[in-house]
Amino acid sequence: MKKILKKWSVIIVWLWCMLGWLAAQELPTTFKNPILAGFHPDPSICRVGMIIIW
């Protein structure tokens, strides 16, 4: 019984430490804009003069 209790105690302490380590990780402070820079029109509809290409 002592062997099982010792094993579970070690597992619980290890999990507790790992959760604390994960919670201490810093989140990124910057955000990368997913929008492409520049002019990128919608390619689904293109108009050439009076002709509309779908």
C-alpha atoms as a PDB file:
ATOM      1  CA  MET A   1       0.000   0.000   0.000  1.00  0.00           C
ATOM      2  CA  LYS A   2       2.859   2.388   0.830  1.00  0.00           C
ATOM      3  CA  LYS A   3       4.424   1.708  -2.561  1.00  0.00           C
ATOM      4  CA  ILE A   4       1.242   2.652  -4.412  1.00  0.00           C
ATOM      5  CA  LEU A   5       0.725   5.754  -2.261  1.00  0.00           C
ATOM      6  CA  LYS A   6       4.309   6.866  -2.875  1.00  0.00           C
ATOM      7  CA  LYS A   7       3.971   6.320  -6.630  1.00  0.00           C
ATOM      8  CA  TRP A   8       0.735   8.323  -6.819  1.00  0.00           C
ATOM      9  CA  SER A   9       2.199  11.081  -4.656  1.00  0.00           C
ATOM     10  CA  VAL A  10       5.145  11.432  -7.033  1.00  0.00           C
ATOM     11  CA  ILE A  11       2.814  11.503 -10.051  1.00  0.00           C
ATOM     12  CA  ILE A  12       0.559  14.143  -8.482  1.00  0.00           C
ATOM     13  CA  VAL A  13       3.501  16.356  -7.479  1.00  0.00           C
ATOM     14  CA  TRP A  14       4.997  16.022 -10.976  1.00  0.00           C
ATOM     15  CA  LEU A  15       1.671  16.968 -12.614  1.00  0.00           C
ATOM     16  CA  TRP A  16       1.275  19.918 -10.239  1.00  0.00           C
ATOM     17  CA  CYS A  17       4.747  21.186 -11.191  1.00  0.00           C
ATOM     18  CA  MET A  18       4.106  20.741 -14.915  1.00  0.00           C
ATOM     19  CA  LEU A  19       0.808  22.634 -14.707  1.00  0.00           C
ATOM     20  CA  GLY A  20       2.550  25.468 -12.887  1.00  0.00           C
ATOM     21  CA  TRP A  21       5.274  25.553 -15.540  1.00  0.00           C
ATOM     22  CA  LEU A  22       2.724  25.645 -18.364  1.00  0.00           C
ATOM     23  CA  ALA A  23       0.767  28.430 -16.673  1.00  0.00           C
ATOM     24  CA  ALA A  24       3.960  30.478 -16.249  1.00  0.00           C
ATOM     25  CA  GLN A  25       4.702  30.512 -19.999  1.00  0.00           C
ATOM     26  CA  GLU A  26       4.423  34.012 -21.438  1.00  0.00           C
ATOM     27  CA  LEU A  27       1.919  34.671 -24.175  1.00  0.00           C
ATOM     28  CA  PRO A  28       3.089  36.579 -27.246  1.00  0.00           C
ATOM     29  CA  THR A  29       2.674  40.333 -26.794  1.00  0.00           C
ATOM     30  CA  THR A  30       2.385  41.089 -30.515  1.00  0.00           C
ATOM     31  CA  PHE A  31      -0.167  40.133 -33.118  1.00  0.00           C
ATOM     32  CA  LYS A  32       0.717  39.402 -36.737  1.00  0.00           C
ATOM     33  CA  ASN A  33      -1.856  40.835 -39.134  1.00  0.00           C
ATOM     34  CA  PRO A  34      -3.094  38.046 -41.446  1.00  0.00           C
ATOM     35  CA  ILE A  35      -4.242  40.577 -44.082  1.00  0.00           C
ATOM     36  CA  LEU A  36      -1.963  40.796 -47.117  1.00  0.00           C
ATOM     37  CA  ALA A  37      -0.356  44.169 -47.640  1.00  0.00           C
ATOM     38  CA  GLY A  38      -1.097  45.893 -50.940  1.00  0.00           C
ATOM     39  CA  PHE A  39      -3.939  45.707 -53.438  1.00  0.00           C
ATOM     40  CA  HIS A  40      -5.365  42.209 -53.851  1.00  0.00           C
ATOM     41  CA  PRO A  41      -8.787  42.353 -55.557  1.00  0.00           C
ATOM     42  CA  ASP A  42     -11.325  39.545 -55.350  1.00  0.00           C
ATOM     43  CA  PRO A  43     -10.379  37.196 -58.228  1.00  0.00           C
ATOM     44  CA  SER A  44     -13.870  35.645 -58.486  1.00  0.00           C
ATOM     45  CA  ILE A  45     -15.220  38.519 -60.631  1.00  0.00           C
ATOM     46  CA  CYS A  46     -13.039  40.333 -63.150  1.00  0.00           C
ATOM     47  CA  ARG A  47     -14.342  43.019 -65.492  1.00  0.00           C
ATOM     48  CA  VAL A  48     -12.579  43.772 -68.775  1.00  0.00           C
ATOM     49  CA  GLY A  49     -14.329  46.703 -70.464  1.00  0.00           C
ATOM     50  CA  MET A  50     -17.968  45.659 -70.922  1.00  0.00           C
ATOM     51  CA  ILE A  51     -17.218  41.940 -70.437  1.00  0.00           C
ATOM     52  CA  ILE A  52     -17.663  40.440 -66.969  1.00  0.00           C
ATOM     53  CA  ILE A  53     -15.753  37.200 -66.456  1.00  0.00           C
ATOM     54  CA  TRP A  54     -17.070  34.925 -63.697  1.00  0.00           C
END
